Amino acid sequence: MKRPVPVESASSLIDDKIKELGDWRGKTLAKVRKIIHEADPEIVEEWKWMGTPVWSQGGIVCTGETYKNAVKMTFPKGAALKDPSGLFNSSLDGNVRRAIDVHEGDNVDEAALKDLIRAAVALNLKSNPKPRRASSKRAD
């Protein structure tokens, strides 16, 4: 079984990927990353599937894949999220996931993306509530 990449290493690997891209995709990935952390500072960065940045809290919130013509943010539970601003523009036929493809020159609606991130976190936390701590007090 593979061990997860430590958070510090995952963040460094994402830093390296941004630098390695060295073009609009790196700048876009860096911008999206900043927006994600502004939306929820408790989100954890991970590195999965041989080189994919992943942001999680109570489960995967979204991934940040890079392709020749797009930076793709995939939300594994995106179909369950309200998207009043219409950010989702890819993987719309799936039953569960949705994605946002950001192309060169596209403007990212930061406020709408933050709302979507917060909604994804809320859905994860609702689906995977943190276990309650056992009380040290005895009920009489």
N, C-alpha and C. Protein backbone atom coordinates (compact mmCIF):
# COMPACT_ATOMS: atom_id res chain seq x y z
N MET A 1 0.84 -1.18 0.00
CA MET A 1 0.00 0.00 0.00
C MET A 1 0.89 1.24 0.00
N LYS A 2 0.55 2.20 -0.84
CA LYS A 2 1.32 3.43 -0.91
C LYS A 2 1.01 4.30 0.29
N ARG A 3 2.02 4.96 0.78
CA ARG A 3 1.83 5.92 1.87
C ARG A 3 1.55 7.29 1.27
N PRO A 4 0.66 8.06 1.92
CA PRO A 4 0.38 9.40 1.39
C PRO A 4 1.61 10.29 1.48
N VAL A 5 1.70 11.22 0.56
CA VAL A 5 2.79 12.20 0.57
C VAL A 5 2.53 13.17 1.71
N PRO A 6 3.52 13.40 2.59
CA PRO A 6 3.31 14.37 3.68
C PRO A 6 2.89 15.73 3.13
N VAL A 7 2.07 16.45 3.90
CA VAL A 7 1.53 17.73 3.47
C VAL A 7 2.62 18.69 3.02
N GLU A 8 3.71 18.79 3.81
CA GLU A 8 4.79 19.71 3.46
C GLU A 8 5.38 19.34 2.11
N SER A 9 5.55 18.04 1.86
CA SER A 9 6.09 17.58 0.58
C SER A 9 5.10 17.85 -0.54
N ALA A 10 3.81 17.63 -0.28
CA ALA A 10 2.79 17.88 -1.30
C ALA A 10 2.82 19.35 -1.71
N SER A 11 2.88 20.25 -0.75
CA SER A 11 2.93 21.68 -1.05
C SER A 11 4.17 22.02 -1.87
N SER A 12 5.30 21.42 -1.54
CA SER A 12 6.53 21.65 -2.30
C SER A 12 6.41 21.11 -3.72
N LEU A 13 5.77 19.95 -3.86
CA LEU A 13 5.59 19.37 -5.19
C LEU A 13 4.67 20.25 -6.04
N ILE A 14 3.66 20.85 -5.42
CA ILE A 14 2.78 21.76 -6.15
C ILE A 14 3.55 23.02 -6.54
N ASP A 15 4.37 23.54 -5.61
CA ASP A 15 5.23 24.68 -5.94
C ASP A 15 6.10 24.36 -7.15
N ASP A 16 6.71 23.17 -7.13
CA ASP A 16 7.60 22.75 -8.22
C ASP A 16 6.83 22.63 -9.54
N LYS A 17 5.64 22.09 -9.48
CA LYS A 17 4.83 21.94 -10.70
C LYS A 17 4.52 23.31 -11.31
N ILE A 18 4.16 24.27 -10.46
CA ILE A 18 3.85 25.63 -10.93
C ILE A 18 5.08 26.22 -11.62
N LYS A 19 6.25 26.08 -11.00
CA LYS A 19 7.49 26.60 -11.59
C LYS A 19 7.84 25.87 -12.89
N GLU A 20 7.66 24.55 -12.87
CA GLU A 20 7.99 23.72 -14.02
C GLU A 20 7.14 24.08 -15.24
N LEU A 21 5.87 24.36 -15.01
CA LEU A 21 5.00 24.73 -16.13
C LEU A 21 5.49 26.02 -16.79
N GLY A 22 5.82 27.01 -15.96
CA GLY A 22 6.45 28.24 -16.43
C GLY A 22 5.69 29.06 -17.46
N ASP A 23 4.42 28.81 -17.62
CA ASP A 23 3.64 29.59 -18.59
C ASP A 23 2.30 29.97 -17.95
N TRP A 24 1.31 30.28 -18.77
CA TRP A 24 0.00 30.71 -18.27
C TRP A 24 -0.63 29.64 -17.39
N ARG A 25 -0.33 28.34 -17.66
CA ARG A 25 -0.90 27.27 -16.86
C ARG A 25 -0.37 27.30 -15.43
N GLY A 26 0.91 27.59 -15.27
CA GLY A 26 1.49 27.71 -13.94
C GLY A 26 0.90 28.88 -13.18
N LYS A 27 0.76 30.01 -13.87
CA LYS A 27 0.16 31.19 -13.25
C LYS A 27 -1.29 30.92 -12.86
N THR A 28 -2.02 30.22 -13.72
CA THR A 28 -3.43 29.92 -13.44
C THR A 28 -3.54 28.95 -12.27
N LEU A 29 -2.70 27.92 -12.25
CA LEU A 29 -2.71 26.97 -11.14
C LEU A 29 -2.38 27.67 -9.83
N ALA A 30 -1.42 28.58 -9.86
CA ALA A 30 -1.06 29.34 -8.66
C ALA A 30 -2.22 30.22 -8.20
N LYS A 31 -2.91 30.84 -9.14
CA LYS A 31 -4.04 31.71 -8.81
C LYS A 31 -5.18 30.90 -8.20
N VAL A 32 -5.49 29.77 -8.81
CA VAL A 32 -6.55 28.89 -8.30
C VAL A 32 -6.20 28.40 -6.90
N ARG A 33 -4.97 28.03 -6.71
CA ARG A 33 -4.49 27.57 -5.40
C ARG A 33 -4.70 28.66 -4.34
N LYS A 34 -4.37 29.89 -4.68
CA LYS A 34 -4.53 31.01 -3.76
C LYS A 34 -6.01 31.21 -3.41
N ILE A 35 -6.87 31.14 -4.41
CA ILE A 35 -8.31 31.29 -4.20
C ILE A 35 -8.83 30.19 -3.29
N ILE A 36 -8.37 28.96 -3.51
CA ILE A 36 -8.80 27.82 -2.69
C ILE A 36 -8.46 28.08 -1.23
N HIS A 37 -7.24 28.52 -0.96
CA HIS A 37 -6.82 28.76 0.43
C HIS A 37 -7.50 29.98 1.04
N GLU A 38 -7.83 30.96 0.22
CA GLU A 38 -8.58 32.11 0.74
C GLU A 38 -10.01 31.69 1.09
N ALA A 39 -10.57 30.78 0.31
CA ALA A 39 -11.93 30.30 0.56
C ALA A 39 -12.01 29.51 1.86
N ASP A 40 -10.98 28.72 2.13
CA ASP A 40 -10.94 27.92 3.36
C ASP A 40 -9.49 27.64 3.74
N PRO A 41 -8.96 28.40 4.69
CA PRO A 41 -7.57 28.23 5.09
C PRO A 41 -7.23 26.86 5.68
N GLU A 42 -8.24 26.08 6.06
CA GLU A 42 -7.99 24.76 6.64
C GLU A 42 -7.86 23.65 5.60
N ILE A 43 -8.03 23.99 4.34
CA ILE A 43 -7.89 22.98 3.28
C ILE A 43 -6.45 22.47 3.28
N VAL A 44 -6.32 21.17 3.05
CA VAL A 44 -5.01 20.49 3.06
C VAL A 44 -4.61 20.19 1.62
N GLU A 45 -3.36 20.43 1.31
CA GLU A 45 -2.83 20.11 -0.01
C GLU A 45 -2.29 18.69 0.00
N GLU A 46 -2.60 17.97 -1.09
CA GLU A 46 -2.13 16.61 -1.25
C GLU A 46 -1.58 16.45 -2.67
N TRP A 47 -0.85 15.38 -2.87
CA TRP A 47 -0.26 15.07 -4.18
C TRP A 47 -0.60 13.62 -4.46
N LYS A 48 -1.44 13.38 -5.46
CA LYS A 48 -1.92 12.02 -5.72
C LYS A 48 -1.78 11.67 -7.19
N TRP A 49 -1.99 10.41 -7.46
CA TRP A 49 -2.08 9.89 -8.82
C TRP A 49 -0.90 10.32 -9.69
N MET A 50 0.28 10.13 -9.15
CA MET A 50 1.52 10.41 -9.89
C MET A 50 1.61 11.83 -10.43
N GLY A 51 1.20 12.81 -9.62
CA GLY A 51 1.44 14.19 -10.00
C GLY A 51 0.25 15.10 -10.12
N THR A 52 -0.81 14.82 -9.38
CA THR A 52 -1.98 15.69 -9.43
C THR A 52 -2.14 16.44 -8.11
N PRO A 53 -2.15 17.77 -8.14
CA PRO A 53 -2.46 18.53 -6.93
C PRO A 53 -3.90 18.28 -6.52
N VAL A 54 -4.10 18.06 -5.22
CA VAL A 54 -5.42 17.78 -4.68
C VAL A 54 -5.60 18.63 -3.43
N TRP A 55 -6.80 19.21 -3.29
CA TRP A 55 -7.12 20.00 -2.10
C TRP A 55 -8.26 19.30 -1.38
N SER A 56 -8.06 19.04 -0.08
CA SER A 56 -9.02 18.25 0.68
C SER A 56 -9.38 18.89 2.01
N GLN A 57 -10.59 18.58 2.42
CA GLN A 57 -11.07 18.87 3.77
C GLN A 57 -12.31 17.99 3.96
N GLY A 58 -12.19 16.95 4.80
CA GLY A 58 -13.28 16.01 4.99
C GLY A 58 -13.48 15.14 3.76
N GLY A 59 -12.53 15.12 2.87
CA GLY A 59 -12.58 14.42 1.58
C GLY A 59 -12.05 15.36 0.52
N ILE A 60 -11.95 14.88 -0.69
CA ILE A 60 -11.41 15.71 -1.77
C ILE A 60 -12.40 16.82 -2.11
N VAL A 61 -11.90 18.05 -2.11
CA VAL A 61 -12.69 19.21 -2.52
C VAL A 61 -12.57 19.35 -4.04
N CYS A 62 -11.32 19.39 -4.52
CA CYS A 62 -11.09 19.48 -5.96
C CYS A 62 -9.65 19.09 -6.27
N THR A 63 -9.42 18.84 -7.55
CA THR A 63 -8.08 18.56 -8.04
C THR A 63 -7.68 19.69 -8.98
N GLY A 64 -6.39 19.77 -9.30
CA GLY A 64 -5.89 20.80 -10.21
C GLY A 64 -5.02 20.19 -11.29
N GLU A 65 -5.63 19.61 -12.29
CA GLU A 65 -4.88 18.98 -13.37
C GLU A 65 -4.49 20.03 -14.41
N THR A 66 -3.37 19.80 -15.06
CA THR A 66 -2.93 20.72 -16.11
C THR A 66 -2.77 19.96 -17.42
N TYR A 67 -3.32 20.55 -18.46
CA TYR A 67 -3.24 19.99 -19.81
C TYR A 67 -2.67 21.05 -20.74
N LYS A 68 -2.44 20.69 -21.97
CA LYS A 68 -1.85 21.62 -22.93
C LYS A 68 -2.70 22.89 -23.08
N ASN A 69 -4.03 22.72 -23.12
CA ASN A 69 -4.90 23.86 -23.39
C ASN A 69 -5.78 24.29 -22.22
N ALA A 70 -5.59 23.67 -21.04
CA ALA A 70 -6.47 24.02 -19.92
C ALA A 70 -5.88 23.62 -18.58
N VAL A 71 -6.30 24.35 -17.57
CA VAL A 71 -6.12 23.93 -16.19
C VAL A 71 -7.51 23.49 -15.75
N LYS A 72 -7.62 22.24 -15.34
CA LYS A 72 -8.91 21.65 -15.02
C LYS A 72 -9.03 21.45 -13.51
N MET A 73 -10.08 22.05 -12.96
CA MET A 73 -10.41 21.84 -11.55
C MET A 73 -11.58 20.87 -11.51
N THR A 74 -11.33 19.67 -11.02
CA THR A 74 -12.37 18.66 -10.95
C THR A 74 -12.88 18.55 -9.52
N PHE A 75 -14.20 18.63 -9.39
CA PHE A 75 -14.87 18.50 -8.10
C PHE A 75 -15.55 17.13 -8.08
N PRO A 76 -15.05 16.18 -7.29
CA PRO A 76 -15.59 14.83 -7.32
C PRO A 76 -17.08 14.73 -6.96
N LYS A 77 -17.59 15.67 -6.20
CA LYS A 77 -19.02 15.69 -5.84
C LYS A 77 -19.72 16.91 -6.46
N GLY A 78 -19.18 17.38 -7.56
CA GLY A 78 -19.67 18.61 -8.18
C GLY A 78 -21.13 18.60 -8.58
N ALA A 79 -21.66 17.45 -8.99
CA ALA A 79 -23.06 17.39 -9.42
C ALA A 79 -24.01 17.69 -8.26
N ALA A 80 -23.54 17.53 -7.03
CA ALA A 80 -24.37 17.79 -5.86
C ALA A 80 -24.29 19.25 -5.40
N LEU A 81 -23.46 20.05 -6.06
CA LEU A 81 -23.27 21.45 -5.67
C LEU A 81 -24.09 22.39 -6.54
N LYS A 82 -24.62 23.42 -5.92
CA LYS A 82 -25.29 24.47 -6.69
C LYS A 82 -24.22 25.33 -7.33
N ASP A 83 -24.45 25.68 -8.57
CA ASP A 83 -23.49 26.48 -9.33
C ASP A 83 -24.22 27.64 -10.02
N PRO A 84 -24.73 28.59 -9.21
CA PRO A 84 -25.53 29.67 -9.80
C PRO A 84 -24.76 30.55 -10.78
N SER A 85 -23.44 30.60 -10.67
CA SER A 85 -22.64 31.42 -11.57
C SER A 85 -22.25 30.68 -12.85
N GLY A 86 -22.55 29.39 -12.91
CA GLY A 86 -22.24 28.61 -14.11
C GLY A 86 -20.76 28.40 -14.33
N LEU A 87 -20.01 28.18 -13.25
CA LEU A 87 -18.57 27.95 -13.40
C LEU A 87 -18.26 26.60 -14.03
N PHE A 88 -19.07 25.58 -13.70
CA PHE A 88 -18.82 24.25 -14.26
C PHE A 88 -19.05 24.29 -15.78
N ASN A 89 -18.01 23.92 -16.52
CA ASN A 89 -18.10 23.95 -17.98
C ASN A 89 -17.53 22.68 -18.61
N SER A 90 -17.28 21.65 -17.78
CA SER A 90 -16.70 20.41 -18.27
C SER A 90 -17.20 19.25 -17.41
N SER A 91 -17.19 18.06 -17.98
CA SER A 91 -17.68 16.86 -17.29
C SER A 91 -19.12 17.03 -16.82
N LEU A 92 -19.92 17.69 -17.63
CA LEU A 92 -21.29 18.00 -17.25
C LEU A 92 -22.23 16.81 -17.39
N ASP A 93 -21.82 15.78 -18.12
CA ASP A 93 -22.67 14.62 -18.32
C ASP A 93 -22.50 13.56 -17.23
N GLY A 94 -21.51 13.73 -16.36
CA GLY A 94 -21.28 12.75 -15.31
C GLY A 94 -22.36 12.79 -14.25
N ASN A 95 -22.55 11.68 -13.58
CA ASN A 95 -23.55 11.60 -12.51
C ASN A 95 -23.09 12.24 -11.22
N VAL A 96 -21.78 12.32 -11.01
CA VAL A 96 -21.27 12.77 -9.71
C VAL A 96 -20.33 13.97 -9.83
N ARG A 97 -19.37 13.90 -10.71
CA ARG A 97 -18.35 14.95 -10.74
C ARG A 97 -18.69 16.05 -11.74
N ARG A 98 -18.05 17.18 -11.54
CA ARG A 98 -18.13 18.31 -12.46
C ARG A 98 -16.75 18.96 -12.48
N ALA A 99 -16.46 19.69 -13.54
CA ALA A 99 -15.15 20.32 -13.64
C ALA A 99 -15.26 21.72 -14.24
N ILE A 100 -14.21 22.48 -13.98
CA ILE A 100 -14.07 23.81 -14.54
C ILE A 100 -12.78 23.79 -15.35
N ASP A 101 -12.89 24.03 -16.64
CA ASP A 101 -11.71 24.17 -17.49
C ASP A 101 -11.39 25.65 -17.62
N VAL A 102 -10.19 26.02 -17.23
CA VAL A 102 -9.74 27.40 -17.37
C VAL A 102 -8.73 27.42 -18.52
N HIS A 103 -9.03 28.21 -19.54
CA HIS A 103 -8.17 28.31 -20.71
C HIS A 103 -7.35 29.60 -20.66
N GLU A 104 -6.31 29.64 -21.47
CA GLU A 104 -5.46 30.83 -21.52
C GLU A 104 -6.30 32.07 -21.80
N GLY A 105 -6.12 33.09 -20.98
CA GLY A 105 -6.84 34.34 -21.15
C GLY A 105 -8.18 34.41 -20.43
N ASP A 106 -8.66 33.27 -19.90
CA ASP A 106 -9.92 33.28 -19.15
C ASP A 106 -9.76 34.03 -17.84
N ASN A 107 -10.80 34.75 -17.45
CA ASN A 107 -10.84 35.36 -16.12
C ASN A 107 -11.57 34.42 -15.19
N VAL A 108 -11.03 34.23 -13.99
CA VAL A 108 -11.65 33.38 -12.99
C VAL A 108 -12.51 34.26 -12.09
N ASP A 109 -13.77 33.91 -11.95
CA ASP A 109 -14.68 34.62 -11.05
C ASP A 109 -14.34 34.18 -9.63
N GLU A 110 -13.48 34.96 -8.97
CA GLU A 110 -12.96 34.56 -7.67
C GLU A 110 -14.05 34.38 -6.62
N ALA A 111 -15.00 35.29 -6.56
CA ALA A 111 -16.07 35.20 -5.56
C ALA A 111 -16.90 33.94 -5.77
N ALA A 112 -17.27 33.66 -7.02
CA ALA A 112 -18.07 32.47 -7.32
C ALA A 112 -17.28 31.19 -7.04
N LEU A 113 -15.98 31.19 -7.36
CA LEU A 113 -15.15 30.02 -7.10
C LEU A 113 -15.01 29.78 -5.59
N LYS A 114 -14.84 30.85 -4.83
CA LYS A 114 -14.77 30.70 -3.37
C LYS A 114 -16.06 30.11 -2.82
N ASP A 115 -17.20 30.57 -3.32
CA ASP A 115 -18.49 30.03 -2.89
C ASP A 115 -18.58 28.54 -3.21
N LEU A 116 -18.12 28.15 -4.40
CA LEU A 116 -18.16 26.75 -4.81
C LEU A 116 -17.26 25.89 -3.92
N ILE A 117 -16.07 26.41 -3.62
CA ILE A 117 -15.13 25.69 -2.74
C ILE A 117 -15.77 25.50 -1.36
N ARG A 118 -16.32 26.57 -0.81
CA ARG A 118 -16.95 26.48 0.51
C ARG A 118 -18.11 25.49 0.52
N ALA A 119 -18.88 25.47 -0.56
CA ALA A 119 -19.99 24.53 -0.67
C ALA A 119 -19.47 23.09 -0.74
N ALA A 120 -18.36 22.86 -1.45
CA ALA A 120 -17.78 21.53 -1.55
C ALA A 120 -17.25 21.07 -0.20
N VAL A 121 -16.63 21.97 0.54
CA VAL A 121 -16.15 21.64 1.90
C VAL A 121 -17.33 21.30 2.78
N ALA A 122 -18.37 22.12 2.76
CA ALA A 122 -19.56 21.88 3.59
C ALA A 122 -20.18 20.52 3.28
N LEU A 123 -20.25 20.18 2.00
CA LEU A 123 -20.80 18.88 1.61
C LEU A 123 -19.94 17.74 2.13
N ASN A 124 -18.62 17.89 2.02
CA ASN A 124 -17.72 16.86 2.55
C ASN A 124 -17.89 16.69 4.04
N LEU A 125 -17.95 17.80 4.76
CA LEU A 125 -18.05 17.73 6.22
C LEU A 125 -19.41 17.18 6.65
N LYS A 126 -20.44 17.45 5.87
CA LYS A 126 -21.76 16.90 6.16
C LYS A 126 -21.75 15.39 5.93
N SER A 127 -21.07 14.96 4.87
CA SER A 127 -21.00 13.53 4.53
C SER A 127 -20.06 12.76 5.43
N ASN A 128 -19.01 13.43 5.90
CA ASN A 128 -17.98 12.78 6.73
C ASN A 128 -17.77 13.59 8.01
N PRO A 129 -18.76 13.60 8.91
CA PRO A 129 -18.57 14.39 10.12
C PRO A 129 -17.40 13.87 10.95
N LYS A 130 -16.75 14.81 11.60
CA LYS A 130 -15.63 14.42 12.46
C LYS A 130 -16.16 13.65 13.65
N PRO A 131 -15.46 12.60 14.07
CA PRO A 131 -15.93 11.84 15.23
C PRO A 131 -15.93 12.72 16.48
N ARG A 132 -16.93 12.53 17.28
CA ARG A 132 -17.00 13.29 18.53
C ARG A 132 -16.03 12.70 19.54
N ARG A 133 -15.50 13.58 20.34
CA ARG A 133 -14.57 13.14 21.39
C ARG A 133 -15.37 12.57 22.53
N ALA A 134 -14.87 11.50 23.10
CA ALA A 134 -15.54 10.89 24.25
C ALA A 134 -15.47 11.83 25.43
N SER A 135 -16.55 11.97 26.11
CA SER A 135 -16.61 12.85 27.27
C SER A 135 -15.94 12.17 28.45
N SER A 136 -15.23 12.96 29.24
CA SER A 136 -14.59 12.39 30.42
C SER A 136 -15.54 12.38 31.60
N LYS A 137 -16.67 13.07 31.43
CA LYS A 137 -17.66 13.08 32.51
C LYS A 137 -18.57 11.87 32.40
N ARG A 138 -18.94 11.35 33.54
CA ARG A 138 -19.87 10.24 33.58
C ARG A 138 -21.27 10.79 33.75
N ALA A 139 -22.19 10.21 33.04
CA ALA A 139 -23.60 10.58 33.25
C ALA A 139 -24.13 9.77 34.42
N ASP A 140 -24.76 10.43 35.35
CA ASP A 140 -25.30 9.70 36.52
C ASP A 140 -26.71 9.33 36.32
